[in-house]
Amino acid sequence: MLSRESKRSARVEILIGKSARIHGDIDFAGGLHLDGRVTGSVRADGASGSMLSVSESGCIEGSVEVANVVLNGTVKGDIHANERVVLGPCSKVQGDVHYGVIETAAGAEILGRLVPAAARQDDHGPQIAEEEKAEGGRTAKAEV
């Protein structure tokens, strides 16, 4: 799923095991691999190249703000990844996915909007977002 170059630069510095349950936000730098459950937001510092990987058993109930996300588990919240998002075949997202580049496997489920980084930088992007808020937002389910 990730290119060889991306795999080399992805270094896991923090591991949260399958039996771990965290209630609260996580702020980290570098790489984080999640097998357990987090109830709260997961954010990486502003450094480019930060990486979050979530296994099939991993679950985040909150927003995600990390440069690179590899998801095989579940996220119940918005994902903001200004570089890359990789959605594996068992991934489930209940929220909007904001991405620079996205890669989706067959079987990935998204209940929300896909928002490319180019749309956020477009002059009409904020206006469109405000119009959607005024309409109560648009929600779509896509199975790829």
Protein backbone atom coordinates (compact mmCIF):
# COMPACT_ATOMS: atom_id res chain seq x y z
CA MET A 1 0.00 0.00 0.00
CA LEU A 2 2.75 2.44 0.87
CA SER A 3 5.66 2.88 -1.49
CA ARG A 4 9.03 1.50 -0.41
CA GLU A 5 10.27 5.03 0.27
CA SER A 6 7.27 5.75 2.55
CA LYS A 7 7.81 2.50 4.44
CA ARG A 8 11.43 3.41 5.13
CA SER A 9 10.55 6.83 6.53
CA ALA A 10 7.64 5.49 8.64
CA ARG A 11 9.17 4.78 12.03
CA VAL A 12 6.98 3.59 14.88
CA GLU A 13 8.15 5.21 18.11
CA ILE A 14 4.98 4.66 20.15
CA LEU A 15 2.98 1.43 20.34
CA ILE A 16 -0.42 1.22 22.01
CA GLY A 17 -1.30 -2.45 22.56
CA LYS A 18 -4.55 -4.27 21.86
CA SER A 19 -5.68 -4.36 25.49
CA ALA A 20 -5.01 -0.63 26.08
CA ARG A 21 -7.94 1.77 26.56
CA ILE A 22 -7.10 5.47 26.60
CA HIS A 23 -9.62 8.15 27.58
CA GLY A 24 -8.18 11.52 26.58
CA ASP A 25 -6.32 13.21 23.75
CA ILE A 26 -2.99 11.96 22.43
CA ASP A 27 -0.37 14.41 21.13
CA PHE A 28 2.73 12.81 19.66
CA ALA A 29 5.70 13.30 17.35
CA GLY A 30 7.03 10.79 14.85
CA GLY A 31 5.19 7.49 14.49
CA LEU A 32 2.35 5.91 16.46
CA HIS A 33 0.86 2.42 15.98
CA LEU A 34 -2.51 1.73 17.60
CA ASP A 35 -3.92 -1.73 18.30
CA GLY A 36 -6.14 -0.60 21.20
CA ARG A 37 -8.92 1.96 21.69
CA VAL A 38 -8.65 5.74 22.11
CA THR A 39 -11.57 7.90 23.18
CA GLY A 40 -10.26 11.36 22.33
CA SER A 41 -8.40 13.18 19.59
CA VAL A 42 -5.10 11.95 18.15
CA ARG A 43 -2.75 14.70 16.93
CA ALA A 44 0.83 14.83 15.74
CA ASP A 45 2.97 17.92 16.09
CA GLY A 46 3.28 20.10 13.00
CA ALA A 47 6.35 18.25 11.73
CA SER A 48 6.02 16.79 8.26
CA GLY A 49 6.26 13.02 8.06
CA SER A 50 4.32 12.13 11.20
CA MET A 51 2.62 8.76 10.87
CA LEU A 52 -0.35 7.04 12.50
CA SER A 53 -1.13 3.41 11.76
CA VAL A 54 -4.26 1.77 13.15
CA SER A 55 -4.60 -2.03 13.00
CA GLU A 56 -7.86 -3.95 12.45
CA SER A 57 -8.38 -4.10 16.22
CA GLY A 58 -7.65 -0.37 16.67
CA CYS A 59 -10.39 2.22 17.20
CA ILE A 60 -10.34 6.00 17.64
CA GLU A 61 -13.43 7.84 18.81
CA GLY A 62 -12.36 11.40 18.07
CA SER A 63 -10.67 13.47 15.41
CA VAL A 64 -7.31 12.61 13.85
CA GLU A 65 -4.77 15.26 12.76
CA VAL A 66 -1.65 13.53 11.45
CA ALA A 67 0.34 14.07 8.23
CA ASN A 68 0.14 10.37 7.19
CA VAL A 69 -2.54 7.87 8.22
CA VAL A 70 -2.67 4.14 7.47
CA LEU A 71 -6.03 2.83 8.65
CA ASN A 72 -7.14 -0.78 8.89
CA GLY A 73 -9.39 -0.24 11.92
CA THR A 74 -12.08 2.30 12.82
CA VAL A 75 -12.16 6.08 13.22
CA LYS A 76 -15.34 7.73 14.50
CA GLY A 77 -14.44 11.33 13.73
CA ASP A 78 -12.85 13.45 11.04
CA ILE A 79 -9.41 12.63 9.63
CA HIS A 80 -7.09 15.49 8.63
CA ALA A 81 -3.99 14.19 6.84
CA ASN A 82 -2.27 16.84 4.75
CA GLU A 83 0.06 14.28 3.15
CA ARG A 84 -1.34 10.74 2.70
CA VAL A 85 -4.26 8.56 3.80
CA VAL A 86 -4.25 4.81 3.13
CA LEU A 87 -7.53 3.01 3.86
CA GLY A 88 -7.16 -0.76 4.10
CA PRO A 89 -9.85 -3.32 3.27
CA CYS A 90 -11.16 -3.50 6.88
CA SER A 91 -11.11 0.25 7.54
CA LYS A 92 -14.21 2.14 8.65
CA VAL A 93 -14.45 5.93 8.87
CA GLN A 94 -17.46 7.71 10.31
CA GLY A 95 -16.53 11.28 9.48
CA ASP A 96 -14.96 13.42 6.80
CA VAL A 97 -11.55 12.53 5.36
CA HIS A 98 -9.33 15.53 4.49
CA TYR A 99 -6.30 14.35 2.53
CA GLY A 100 -3.38 15.30 0.31
CA VAL A 101 -3.24 11.90 -1.42
CA ILE A 102 -5.61 9.01 -0.74
CA GLU A 103 -5.35 5.30 -1.42
CA THR A 104 -8.34 3.03 -0.76
CA ALA A 105 -8.59 -0.73 -0.87
CA ALA A 106 -11.72 -2.64 -1.85
CA GLY A 107 -13.90 -3.05 1.24
CA ALA A 108 -12.99 0.26 2.91
CA GLU A 109 -16.06 2.09 4.27
CA ILE A 110 -16.43 5.86 4.53
CA LEU A 111 -19.49 7.49 6.03
CA GLY A 112 -18.71 11.13 5.34
CA ARG A 113 -17.09 13.36 2.75
CA LEU A 114 -13.76 13.05 0.97
CA VAL A 115 -12.11 16.49 0.91
CA PRO A 116 -8.89 16.86 -1.11
CA ALA A 117 -6.26 19.36 0.09
CA ALA A 118 -6.63 21.24 -3.21
CA ALA A 119 -10.31 21.93 -2.39
CA ARG A 120 -9.35 23.43 0.97
CA GLN A 121 -6.89 25.80 -0.69
CA ASP A 122 -9.27 26.77 -3.48
CA ASP A 123 -10.73 30.28 -3.27
CA HIS A 124 -14.23 28.79 -3.25
CA GLY A 125 -13.45 26.05 -0.70
CA PRO A 126 -14.42 27.95 2.45
CA GLN A 127 -17.54 29.30 0.78
CA ILE A 128 -18.63 25.80 -0.25
CA ALA A 129 -17.99 24.53 3.28
CA GLU A 130 -20.09 27.35 4.74
CA GLU A 131 -22.91 26.60 2.27
CA GLU A 132 -22.85 22.93 3.31
CA LYS A 133 -23.01 23.90 6.98
CA ALA A 134 -25.99 26.12 6.21
CA GLU A 135 -27.70 23.17 4.51
CA GLY A 136 -26.98 20.94 7.50
CA GLY A 137 -24.03 19.28 5.76
CA ARG A 138 -24.03 16.49 3.25
CA THR A 139 -23.33 12.95 4.28
CA ALA A 140 -22.64 10.09 1.93
CA LYS A 141 -21.68 6.49 2.40
CA ALA A 142 -19.15 5.13 -0.01
CA GLU A 143 -17.90 1.60 -0.14
CA VAL A 144 -14.85 1.19 -2.30
